[in-house]
Protein backbone atom coordinates (compact mmCIF):
# COMPACT_ATOMS: atom_id res chain seq x y z
CA MET A 1 190.19 75.30 101.21
CA GLU A 2 186.55 75.73 100.25
CA THR A 3 186.82 72.95 97.67
CA PHE A 4 188.32 70.62 100.28
CA VAL A 5 185.51 71.33 102.74
CA GLU A 6 182.91 70.64 100.03
CA SER A 7 184.56 67.36 99.03
CA PHE A 8 185.00 66.32 102.65
CA GLY A 9 181.34 67.05 103.38
CA GLU A 10 180.13 65.29 100.24
CA SER A 11 182.20 62.21 101.14
CA ALA A 12 180.62 61.95 104.60
CA LYS A 13 177.16 62.52 103.11
CA THR A 14 177.78 59.73 100.57
CA ALA A 15 178.90 57.36 103.34
CA LEU A 16 175.71 58.13 105.29
CA GLY A 17 173.73 57.67 102.09
CA PHE A 18 175.13 54.17 101.68
CA PHE A 19 173.89 53.24 105.14
CA TRP A 20 170.54 54.98 104.58
CA LYS A 21 169.96 52.91 101.46
CA SER A 22 170.74 49.65 103.23
CA GLY A 23 169.62 50.27 106.82
CA TRP A 24 166.37 48.31 106.54
CA ALA A 25 168.22 45.45 104.82
CA PHE A 26 170.66 45.14 107.72
CA ILE A 27 167.81 44.96 110.22
CA LEU A 28 165.90 42.40 108.15
CA GLY A 29 169.00 40.29 107.60
CA TYR A 30 170.05 40.22 111.24
CA PHE A 31 166.43 39.60 112.31
CA VAL A 32 166.28 36.50 110.09
CA SER A 33 169.77 35.49 111.23
CA GLY A 34 168.66 35.84 114.87
CA MET A 35 165.65 33.59 114.28
CA ILE A 36 167.79 30.94 112.59
CA GLN A 37 170.37 31.03 115.39
CA ALA A 38 167.67 30.86 118.06
CA PHE A 39 165.46 28.17 116.52
CA VAL A 40 167.83 25.87 114.58
CA PRO A 41 169.41 23.18 116.85
CA LYS A 42 173.15 22.84 116.37
CA LYS A 43 173.98 19.66 118.26
CA GLU A 44 172.68 17.32 115.57
CA LEU A 45 174.63 19.20 112.88
CA THR A 46 178.05 19.26 114.51
CA LYS A 47 178.09 15.47 114.95
CA TYR A 48 178.38 14.94 111.20
CA MET A 49 181.21 17.34 110.31
CA GLY A 50 184.20 15.18 111.22
CA ASP A 51 185.08 14.05 107.70
CA ALA A 52 186.06 15.81 104.48
CA ASP A 53 183.13 14.25 102.62
CA PHE A 54 180.10 15.67 100.82
CA LYS A 55 177.84 15.37 103.88
CA SER A 56 180.22 17.29 106.17
CA ILE A 57 180.83 20.03 103.62
CA SER A 58 177.11 20.34 102.84
CA LEU A 59 176.19 20.60 106.53
CA SER A 60 178.95 23.16 107.11
CA THR A 61 177.70 25.19 104.16
CA PHE A 62 174.13 25.11 105.49
CA PHE A 63 175.32 25.87 109.02
CA GLY A 64 177.39 28.81 107.76
CA ALA A 65 174.58 30.22 105.62
CA ALA A 66 172.31 30.07 108.70
CA SER A 67 174.74 32.01 110.90
CA SER A 68 175.80 35.61 111.34
CA SER A 69 177.64 37.34 108.50
CA CYS A 70 180.19 38.96 110.83
CA SER A 71 183.67 37.92 109.69
CA PHE A 72 185.02 37.80 113.25
CA ALA A 73 182.07 35.67 114.35
CA ALA A 74 182.68 33.33 111.41
CA LEU A 75 186.27 32.72 112.50
CA ALA A 76 185.33 32.15 116.14
CA ALA A 77 182.50 29.77 115.24
CA ALA A 78 184.77 27.84 112.84
CA ARG A 79 187.34 27.50 115.62
CA SER A 80 184.66 26.03 117.87
CA LEU A 81 183.63 23.58 115.16
CA VAL A 82 187.23 22.41 114.89
CA LYS A 83 187.34 22.04 118.66
CA LYS A 84 184.18 19.91 118.55
CA GLY A 85 185.82 17.58 116.02
CA ALA A 86 184.89 19.15 112.67
CA HIS A 87 187.33 18.56 109.81
CA PHE A 88 189.30 21.61 108.64
CA VAL A 89 187.69 21.28 105.21
CA ALA A 90 184.30 21.63 106.88
CA ALA A 91 185.51 24.60 108.95
CA VAL A 92 186.72 26.49 105.87
CA ALA A 93 183.44 25.71 104.08
CA PHE A 94 181.61 27.14 107.09
CA MET A 95 183.68 30.35 106.99
CA PHE A 96 183.06 30.92 103.28
CA ALA A 97 179.32 30.18 103.61
CA SER A 98 178.86 32.46 106.62
CA THR A 99 180.41 35.41 104.79
CA ASN A 100 179.04 34.79 101.28
CA LEU A 101 175.71 32.94 101.48
CA VAL A 102 173.92 34.73 104.35
CA ILE A 103 170.67 36.57 103.68
CA GLU A 104 171.79 40.05 104.81
CA LEU A 105 174.72 40.04 102.39
CA GLY A 106 172.45 38.92 99.55
CA ILE A 107 169.99 41.74 100.19
CA LEU A 108 172.83 44.27 100.25
CA ILE A 109 174.24 43.00 96.93
CA LEU A 110 170.76 43.16 95.39
CA ILE A 111 170.33 46.78 96.49
CA PHE A 112 173.75 48.07 95.48
CA LEU A 113 174.78 45.89 92.54
CA GLY A 114 171.66 44.22 91.15
CA TRP A 115 170.23 40.74 90.79
CA GLN A 116 172.90 39.54 88.36
CA PHE A 117 175.60 40.04 90.98
CA LEU A 118 173.40 38.37 93.58
CA ALA A 119 173.04 35.32 91.33
CA ALA A 120 176.81 35.32 90.77
CA GLU A 121 177.43 35.59 94.52
CA LEU A 122 175.26 32.57 95.28
CA ILE A 123 176.62 30.41 92.46
CA GLY A 124 180.17 31.52 93.11
CA GLY A 125 179.85 30.88 96.84
CA LEU A 126 179.17 27.21 96.14
CA VAL A 127 181.99 27.07 93.58
CA LEU A 128 184.32 28.73 96.10
CA ILE A 129 183.50 26.15 98.77
CA THR A 130 183.98 23.30 96.30
CA ILE A 131 187.38 24.54 95.11
CA SER A 132 188.70 25.31 98.60
CA SER A 133 187.55 21.88 99.83
CA LEU A 134 189.38 20.14 97.00
CA LEU A 135 192.53 22.21 97.50
CA ILE A 136 192.69 21.36 101.20
CA LYS A 137 192.06 17.67 100.52
CA TRP A 138 194.82 17.63 97.90
CA THR A 139 197.38 19.59 99.94
CA TYR A 140 196.36 18.57 103.47
CA PRO A 141 199.32 19.29 105.84
CA GLU A 142 198.28 16.74 108.44
CA SER A 143 200.93 17.49 111.08
CA TRP A 144 200.23 21.25 110.92
CA LEU A 145 196.48 20.87 111.24
CA GLN A 146 196.75 18.28 114.00
CA ALA A 147 198.91 20.68 115.99
CA ALA A 148 196.36 23.43 115.33
CA ARG A 149 193.52 21.20 116.58
CA GLU A 150 195.42 20.52 119.80
CA LYS A 151 195.93 24.28 120.19
CA VAL A 152 192.17 24.93 120.38
CA GLU A 153 191.20 21.98 122.56
CA GLN A 154 190.45 24.19 125.56
CA GLU A 155 188.20 26.58 123.64
CA ASP A 156 184.43 26.39 123.67
CA ASP A 157 181.51 28.67 122.80
CA GLY A 158 178.45 26.53 123.45
CA LEU A 159 177.73 25.50 119.86
CA THR A 160 176.53 22.09 121.08
CA GLU A 161 173.42 23.57 122.70
CA ASP A 162 170.41 21.34 122.04
CA PHE A 163 166.69 22.06 122.44
CA ASP A 164 163.22 21.35 121.09
CA TRP A 165 162.78 24.02 118.42
CA LYS A 166 159.00 23.52 118.31
CA GLU A 167 158.71 24.40 121.99
CA ARG A 168 161.17 27.29 121.76
CA ILE A 169 159.50 28.99 118.79
CA LYS A 170 156.21 29.09 120.70
CA SER A 171 157.74 30.51 123.88
CA LYS A 172 158.23 34.09 125.00
CA GLU A 173 161.78 33.27 126.01
CA GLY A 174 162.51 31.98 122.51
CA TRP A 175 161.63 35.31 120.93
CA GLN A 176 163.55 37.15 123.61
CA LEU A 177 166.53 35.04 122.52
CA VAL A 178 165.96 36.23 118.93
CA GLY A 179 166.28 39.81 120.19
CA HIS A 180 169.43 38.84 122.08
CA LYS A 181 170.99 37.27 118.98
CA PHE A 182 170.01 40.34 116.93
CA VAL A 183 171.76 42.73 119.33
CA ASN A 184 174.75 40.39 119.62
CA ASP A 185 175.18 40.35 115.84
CA TRP A 186 175.06 44.14 115.68
CA LYS A 187 177.63 44.45 118.44
CA MET A 188 179.98 42.25 116.43
CA ALA A 189 179.39 43.86 113.03
CA TRP A 190 178.86 47.59 113.53
CA GLU A 191 182.57 48.46 113.45
CA ASP A 192 183.08 46.78 110.07
CA ILE A 193 179.96 48.48 108.75
CA LEU A 194 181.11 51.89 110.00
CA ILE A 195 184.61 51.56 108.52
CA GLY A 196 183.45 49.96 105.28
CA PHE A 197 180.74 52.47 104.50
CA THR A 198 182.95 55.43 105.43
CA VAL A 199 185.81 54.20 103.24
CA ALA A 200 183.37 53.62 100.38
CA GLY A 201 181.89 57.12 100.73
CA PHE A 202 185.25 58.85 100.72
CA VAL A 203 186.69 56.66 97.96
CA ALA A 204 183.62 57.32 95.78
CA VAL A 205 184.12 61.10 96.02
CA LEU A 206 187.87 61.60 96.43
CA VAL A 207 189.56 58.83 94.40
CA PRO A 208 189.55 59.67 90.67
CA GLU A 209 188.33 57.15 88.13
CA SER A 210 191.79 57.15 86.54
CA PHE A 211 193.21 55.41 89.63
CA TRP A 212 190.87 52.44 89.25
CA THR A 213 191.22 52.25 85.47
CA THR A 214 195.01 52.17 85.86
CA LEU A 215 195.03 49.66 88.72
CA PHE A 216 192.59 47.27 87.00
CA LEU A 217 193.83 47.91 83.41
CA ALA A 218 190.39 49.12 82.34
CA ASP A 219 191.81 51.13 79.42
CA ALA A 220 194.51 48.64 78.41
CA GLN A 221 193.12 48.03 74.93
CA HIS A 222 196.48 46.71 73.73
CA LEU A 223 196.30 43.73 76.10
CA PRO A 224 194.28 40.58 75.42
CA GLY A 225 191.00 40.38 77.30
CA TRP A 226 191.89 37.16 79.11
CA LEU A 227 195.02 38.76 80.56
CA VAL A 228 193.09 41.79 81.87
CA THR A 229 190.48 39.47 83.40
CA LEU A 230 193.22 37.44 85.11
CA GLU A 231 194.86 40.62 86.42
CA ASN A 232 191.54 41.85 87.84
CA ALA A 233 190.91 38.55 89.61
CA ILE A 234 194.42 38.51 91.12
CA VAL A 235 194.60 42.18 92.15
CA ALA A 236 191.11 42.37 93.70
CA PRO A 237 191.91 40.27 96.83
CA PHE A 238 194.90 42.51 97.58
CA VAL A 239 192.72 45.63 97.26
CA ALA A 240 190.22 44.02 99.66
CA ALA A 241 193.01 43.18 102.10
CA PHE A 242 194.33 46.73 101.95
CA THR A 243 190.91 48.18 102.91
CA PHE A 244 190.75 46.11 106.15
CA ILE A 245 186.96 45.86 105.61
CA GLY A 246 184.81 42.86 106.61
CA SER A 247 182.08 41.06 104.68
CA MET A 248 179.20 43.54 105.04
CA GLY A 249 181.31 46.66 104.73
CA ASN A 250 182.87 45.91 101.36
CA ILE A 251 179.67 45.88 99.24
CA PRO A 252 179.45 49.71 98.91
CA LEU A 253 183.10 49.78 97.85
CA ALA A 254 182.38 47.01 95.35
CA THR A 255 179.72 49.37 93.97
CA VAL A 256 182.39 52.06 93.58
CA LEU A 257 184.60 49.59 91.68
CA ASN A 258 181.63 48.65 89.48
CA GLN A 259 180.97 52.31 88.69
CA ASN A 260 184.59 52.83 87.69
CA GLY A 261 184.84 50.06 85.12
CA VAL A 262 186.42 47.21 87.09
CA LEU A 263 185.65 43.92 85.37
CA PHE A 264 183.12 41.40 86.66
CA ALA A 265 185.91 39.01 87.72
CA GLY A 266 187.58 41.75 89.74
CA ILE A 267 184.40 42.77 91.53
CA MET A 268 183.53 39.19 92.47
CA GLY A 269 187.11 38.56 93.60
CA PHE A 270 186.90 41.65 95.78
CA ILE A 271 183.60 40.61 97.37
CA TYR A 272 184.88 37.10 98.16
CA SER A 273 188.08 38.37 99.81
CA ASP A 274 186.67 39.65 103.10
CA LEU A 275 188.27 36.79 105.07
CA MET A 276 191.74 37.71 103.82
CA VAL A 277 192.05 41.11 105.51
CA PRO A 278 195.08 41.27 107.85
CA PRO A 279 193.13 41.47 111.17
CA LEU A 280 191.34 38.21 110.31
CA VAL A 281 194.53 36.44 109.25
CA HIS A 282 196.05 37.57 112.54
CA ILE A 283 193.11 36.13 114.51
CA ASN A 284 193.46 32.80 112.69
CA ALA A 285 197.13 32.88 113.68
CA LYS A 286 196.09 33.28 117.32
CA TYR A 287 193.76 30.31 116.96
CA TYR A 288 195.90 27.88 114.96
CA GLY A 289 199.41 29.35 114.68
CA TRP A 290 200.95 31.29 111.78
CA ARG A 291 201.69 28.26 109.58
CA VAL A 292 198.05 27.20 109.44
CA ALA A 293 196.76 30.80 109.25
CA LEU A 294 198.91 31.52 106.19
CA TYR A 295 198.02 28.13 104.71
CA ILE A 296 194.29 28.94 105.06
CA ALA A 297 194.87 32.40 103.57
CA GLY A 298 196.75 30.86 100.65
CA VAL A 299 193.97 28.34 99.99
CA MET A 300 191.44 31.17 100.13
CA PHE A 301 193.42 33.33 97.70
CA VAL A 302 193.79 30.58 95.11
CA SER A 303 190.13 29.58 95.54
CA ILE A 304 188.93 33.17 95.15
CA VAL A 305 190.95 33.79 91.97
CA LEU A 306 189.83 30.51 90.39
CA THR A 307 186.20 31.13 91.35
CA ALA A 308 186.24 34.64 89.89
CA LEU A 309 187.70 33.30 86.63
CA ILE A 310 185.25 30.38 86.46
CA LEU A 311 182.30 32.70 87.08
CA ASN A 312 183.56 35.07 84.42
CA GLY A 313 183.87 32.18 81.97
CA ILE A 314 180.38 30.80 82.71
CA PHE A 315 178.69 34.19 82.56
CA SER A 316 180.59 35.10 79.38
CA PHE A 317 179.58 31.84 77.72
CA LEU A 318 175.94 32.48 78.64
CA ASP A 319 176.31 36.16 77.68
CA ILE A 320 174.92 37.33 81.03
CA ILE A 321 177.87 39.23 82.51
CA PRO A 322 176.34 42.20 84.41
CA GLU A 323 176.73 45.40 82.43
CA SER A 324 174.96 47.66 84.92
CA ARG A 325 177.14 50.42 86.33
CA ARG A 326 175.00 51.94 89.03
CA VAL A 327 175.93 55.54 89.77
CA VAL A 328 176.84 55.92 93.43
CA SER A 329 175.43 59.44 93.64
CA GLU A 330 172.02 58.11 92.58
CA ILE A 331 172.08 55.18 95.02
CA THR A 332 172.89 57.43 97.99
CA GLN A 333 170.14 60.03 97.45
CA PHE A 334 167.87 60.88 100.39
CA LYS A 335 164.27 61.02 99.21
CA ILE A 336 160.78 59.83 100.05
CA ASP A 337 160.71 56.46 98.32
CA TYR A 338 160.49 52.80 99.29
CA THR A 339 163.76 53.11 101.25
CA PHE A 340 162.24 55.79 103.49
CA TRP A 341 159.18 53.72 104.36
CA MET A 342 161.14 50.48 104.76
CA ASN A 343 163.55 52.21 107.13
CA LEU A 344 160.64 53.49 109.24
CA VAL A 345 159.11 50.01 109.51
CA PHE A 346 162.38 48.28 110.33
CA VAL A 347 163.48 50.90 112.86
CA TRP A 348 160.32 49.95 114.78
CA ILE A 349 161.20 46.25 114.38
CA ALA A 350 164.75 46.94 115.62
CA GLY A 351 163.35 48.76 118.65
CA THR A 352 161.16 45.77 119.45
CA LEU A 353 164.11 43.38 119.15
CA ILE A 354 166.25 45.56 121.42
CA TRP A 355 163.44 45.52 124.00
CA LEU A 356 163.28 41.71 123.75
CA HIS A 357 167.04 41.57 124.23
CA LYS A 358 166.77 43.61 127.42
CA LYS A 359 164.05 41.29 128.71
CA TYR A 360 166.24 38.30 127.94
CA MET A 361 169.22 39.78 129.80
CA GLN A 362 167.04 40.49 132.84
CA THR A 363 166.27 36.80 133.27
CA HIS A 364 169.59 35.28 132.25
CA GLU A 365 172.83 35.73 134.12
CA MET A 366 175.12 35.50 131.15
CA LYS A 367 177.64 37.61 129.31
CA MET A 368 177.50 38.55 125.68
CA MET A 369 179.62 36.17 123.60
CA ASP A 370 183.25 37.10 124.00
CA MET A 371 183.98 37.49 120.31
CA GLU A 372 187.37 38.35 118.88
CA SER A 373 187.75 41.78 117.36
CA GLY A 374 190.45 43.66 115.52
CA GLY A 375 192.20 44.67 118.76
CA LYS A 376 193.56 48.06 119.81
CA ILE A 377 194.45 49.17 116.29
CA LYS A 378 190.90 48.59 115.10
CA ASN A 379 189.46 50.35 118.16
CA ILE A 380 191.60 53.38 117.37
CA ALA A 381 190.52 53.19 113.71
CA VAL A 382 186.84 53.08 114.73
CA ALA A 383 187.27 56.18 116.92
CA ILE A 384 189.02 58.00 114.06
CA PHE A 385 186.27 57.06 111.60
CA ILE A 386 183.58 58.30 113.98
CA ILE A 387 185.39 61.64 114.26
CA ILE A 388 185.80 61.78 110.47
CA ASN A 389 182.08 61.24 109.96
CA VAL A 390 181.08 63.84 112.53
CA LEU A 391 183.43 66.43 111.06
CA GLY A 392 182.42 65.51 107.52
CA LEU A 393 178.70 65.84 108.16
CA SER A 394 179.35 69.15 109.92
CA ALA A 395 181.26 70.28 106.83
CA PHE A 396 178.36 69.21 104.61
CA VAL A 397 175.83 71.15 106.71
CA TYR A 398 178.17 74.17 106.64
CA THR A 399 178.45 74.11 102.82
CA GLN A 400 174.66 73.88 102.50
CA LEU A 401 174.00 76.79 104.85
CA PHE A 402 176.78 79.10 103.76
């Protein structure tokens, strides 16, 4: 019993340590995201996304990279783009960009996995968009996607808003809008962050290394290397789907996989698979119907596996595959270092942004964006994870005092 309490407490402490290490990065990322959303006009962009050509895909990629990293927000925004006339190729490019090329995700990867993985994420994100675009163009089920477009004709979220960005960036109301966007992003993402970081903390402490080495064939010396790499790339998306974790929440767990010997291709495949978790596939089904939702998921799966293998091949050829296996227990230490001071500074920045949000809401009669979430099951899961963290931290304090 005593051993269980110690492990339970250490798991919760590790989960909190993950968030401690990345807290300032989240605030910085969502601050920058809020500024981009507030000051970058969208009307001129959406007019040029109606074809499956290079211009549409490039604009969708830029638009996605300039948006929030929340997976649920990515799906809702992509739906609105389709409603406004964007091609499905452009919509999928937007979804991949908004969950793989945003600044907050890049900072998190840099902190937890290192610059090599950040470089791979950025290069691979573009490869992923290219492959998925080609796959959709080659396999385009026109009748399915036309029916899906008709299904979302009545939906709207105001993405056509137009304004003079030079005037807005100089106004008090413009910066209040930044605070509003910042708070809105947090309201959409905090559940994924809570679940993802908690799962990563408990997996890091409670799941033995032998489980990961068996699942990802890390010790299968009798098998050819190419076969193990292929297995890692194929299995990783299913592991990601099983965790039910969104884009920001899966980076700590990717760090756990990295520590336990999962190959580069497997880690990248895992990171790219955040849009394939069951709650997100279900939401796409609500938007477009099950045929199109499963078609999009299939395109994503094939694109992710191919991208992971291509990245592995390029990095192997250049002999720059990341070898760093950062120890989770070292990453999650609480000490007076740059993380401590950065967290202090960005907590103050967050407080300022929350104050600006409140000012904005006082002068605007509007509701927060009605964004899709994981539904009742996810709400129950969030409540359970909060209880687990509270009990776990209590157990950790108990083991330290007694």
